[in-house]
Structures are given as structure tokens and as C-alpha cells.
Protein backbone atom coordinates (compact mmCIF):
# COMPACT_ATOMS: atom_id res chain seq x y z
CA MET A 1 -21.62 -19.75 -23.40
CA LYS A 2 -23.02 -16.29 -22.85
CA PHE A 3 -22.89 -16.80 -19.07
CA THR A 4 -19.16 -17.54 -19.27
CA GLY A 5 -18.52 -14.23 -20.99
CA GLN A 6 -20.59 -12.35 -18.45
CA ALA A 7 -18.87 -14.12 -15.55
CA LYS A 8 -15.45 -13.26 -16.96
CA GLU A 9 -16.49 -9.64 -17.45
CA LYS A 10 -17.76 -9.43 -13.87
CA ALA A 11 -14.56 -11.08 -12.58
CA ASN A 12 -12.46 -8.42 -14.31
CA LEU A 13 -14.64 -5.69 -12.82
CA LEU A 14 -14.27 -7.26 -9.37
CA LEU A 15 -10.49 -7.38 -9.78
CA VAL A 16 -10.39 -3.67 -10.63
CA ALA A 17 -12.58 -2.90 -7.60
CA ILE A 18 -10.30 -4.94 -5.31
CA LYS A 19 -7.19 -3.13 -6.58
CA LEU A 20 -8.85 0.26 -6.14
CA PHE A 21 -9.90 -0.69 -2.62
CA ASP A 22 -6.31 -1.73 -1.78
CA TRP A 23 -4.94 1.54 -3.12
CA LEU A 24 -7.52 3.59 -1.20
CA LEU A 25 -6.73 1.61 1.95
CA ILE A 26 -3.00 2.30 1.57
CA ALA A 27 -3.54 6.02 0.95
CA GLY A 28 -6.11 6.29 3.73
CA SER A 29 -3.94 4.52 6.27
CA GLY A 30 -1.00 6.79 5.43
CA VAL A 31 -3.10 9.92 5.91
CA ALA A 32 -4.68 8.51 9.09
CA SER A 33 -1.32 7.60 10.61
CA PHE A 34 0.01 11.11 9.88
CA TYR A 35 -2.95 12.75 11.59
CA ALA A 36 -2.83 10.28 14.49
CA LEU A 37 0.77 11.38 15.11
CA GLU A 38 0.15 15.09 14.54
CA PRO A 39 -0.99 15.91 18.12
CA ILE A 40 2.08 14.26 19.69
CA LYS A 41 4.69 15.32 17.12
CA ASN A 42 5.93 18.82 16.46
CA PHE A 43 5.55 18.96 12.69
CA PRO A 44 6.63 22.19 10.98
CA ALA A 45 3.90 24.34 9.49
CA TYR A 46 2.57 23.05 6.18
CA LEU A 47 -0.10 23.82 3.61
CA GLY A 48 -2.53 21.28 2.20
CA LEU A 49 -3.24 17.73 3.32
CA MET A 50 0.21 17.03 4.80
CA PRO A 51 3.85 18.08 4.25
CA GLU A 52 5.14 17.45 0.75
CA HIS A 53 7.78 14.91 1.77
CA TYR A 54 5.11 12.84 3.55
CA LEU A 55 2.99 12.91 0.40
CA THR A 56 6.04 11.70 -1.54
CA VAL A 57 6.43 8.67 0.75
CA LEU A 58 2.71 8.01 0.56
CA LEU A 59 2.87 8.05 -3.23
CA LEU A 60 5.92 5.75 -3.22
CA GLY A 61 4.23 3.27 -0.89
CA PHE A 62 1.25 3.29 -3.22
CA LEU A 63 3.43 2.81 -6.32
CA PHE A 64 5.49 0.00 -4.79
CA SER A 65 2.35 -1.91 -3.80
CA ALA A 66 0.67 -1.26 -7.18
CA TRP A 67 3.79 -2.56 -8.93
CA LEU A 68 4.69 -5.50 -6.68
CA PHE A 69 1.28 -6.98 -5.85
CA PRO A 70 0.55 -8.09 -9.44
CA ILE A 71 4.11 -9.41 -9.80
CA PHE A 72 3.64 -11.65 -6.74
CA ASN A 73 0.13 -12.72 -7.85
CA VAL A 74 -1.65 -11.19 -4.88
CA TYR A 75 -4.75 -10.71 -7.03
CA LYS A 76 -4.93 -14.24 -8.42
CA SER A 77 -7.85 -16.54 -7.72
CA TRP A 78 -7.16 -18.22 -4.37
CA ARG A 79 -9.75 -20.93 -4.89
CA GLY A 80 -8.17 -24.25 -3.92
CA SER A 81 -5.17 -22.60 -2.25
CA SER A 82 -4.47 -22.70 1.45
CA ILE A 83 -4.78 -19.71 3.74
CA ALA A 84 -1.12 -20.17 4.66
CA GLU A 85 -0.11 -19.80 1.01
CA GLU A 86 -2.14 -16.62 0.68
CA ALA A 87 -0.74 -15.21 3.93
CA LEU A 88 2.84 -15.96 2.86
CA THR A 89 2.27 -14.30 -0.50
CA LEU A 90 0.89 -11.18 1.19
CA LEU A 91 3.70 -11.15 3.74
CA PHE A 92 6.35 -11.48 1.05
CA SER A 93 4.82 -8.80 -1.19
CA TRP A 94 4.45 -6.34 1.72
CA THR A 95 8.02 -7.08 2.84
CA CYS A 96 9.31 -6.28 -0.64
CA ALA A 97 7.27 -3.05 -0.74
CA ILE A 98 8.64 -2.00 2.67
CA LEU A 99 12.20 -2.84 1.64
CA GLY A 100 11.75 -0.82 -1.56
CA LEU A 101 10.52 2.17 0.42
CA LEU A 102 13.33 1.82 2.95
CA ALA A 103 15.87 1.60 0.12
CA PHE A 104 14.47 4.81 -1.34
CA LEU A 105 14.73 6.56 2.04
CA PHE A 106 18.27 5.26 2.53
CA PHE A 107 19.60 6.22 -0.89
CA THR A 108 18.00 9.67 -0.83
CA LYS A 109 19.22 10.17 2.78
CA THR A 110 15.79 11.36 3.88
CA ALA A 111 14.94 8.68 6.46
CA THR A 112 15.41 11.06 9.40
CA GLU A 113 12.65 13.36 8.10
CA TYR A 114 9.92 10.80 8.83
CA ASP A 115 8.39 9.43 11.96
CA THR A 116 8.56 5.62 12.18
CA GLY A 117 4.92 5.41 13.27
CA PHE A 118 3.89 7.03 10.00
CA CYS A 119 5.83 4.49 7.94
CA TYR A 120 4.40 1.56 9.90
CA GLY A 121 0.88 2.89 9.40
CA LEU A 122 1.49 3.48 5.71
CA LEU A 123 2.86 0.06 4.92
CA ALA A 124 0.83 -2.24 7.15
CA PRO A 125 -2.86 -1.67 6.45
CA THR A 126 -3.73 -5.06 4.97
């Protein structure tokens, strides 16, 4: 019985580590795609890591994925499930996150302020 408790505790720790890794991957890919575009784009002068409106989109992409992935059971145990089922779940959850971000950009009328390459890099790291 003691092993079961330890296994469950380790599984919860692993789940937290996987979520943190996903979030770091999303943030890192957003920053990397901004700096990959920086030499070929004429961004206005900015202070800090990147312009504030790019940080806002990066934060929103992070929040949408952090909110939607658990809803769509991305972090469930996939033991006994097919790879196709897992791929469809990931595709659907990423599609919803992208649509949420696009809806935000549309309703705030700020879509023209961003480069499309940045948004693709932000929302397609997995």
C-alpha cells in the first residue's frame, strides 16, 4: 500500500513538471520567434525583452494553453490510448487556443500590430 501512495505522489509531481515544461516551451518559442524575425523586420525601438504588445500576446497564448489543455484532457494518462487519439486531442486543443488568441486580436483590433511569423512560432511549439 505504501508504494501506491508514493507512486501517486510521484505521478502528481511528474504532471506538474510536464505542465511547467509546456509553459516554458510556449514562452520560449514566442521569444525565439520574435528574435528570429527581428533582423528582417523593422520593429520600433523598445526597452526590455520585447515590445509590450508582443509580451501581451505571449502571455495570452500561455494563458489560453494553460486554461484549455486541462479542459481537453491533454495531461491525462495516455496508457491504452492510440497515438491518433492523442494527436487529435492535441490538434483540437491547439486549434482552440489559436482561435482564442485570434478572437482576442480581432476584437481588440490589434491584429495588424503583429507579424504572422511570430504568432505561428508562439502557438505551434508542441
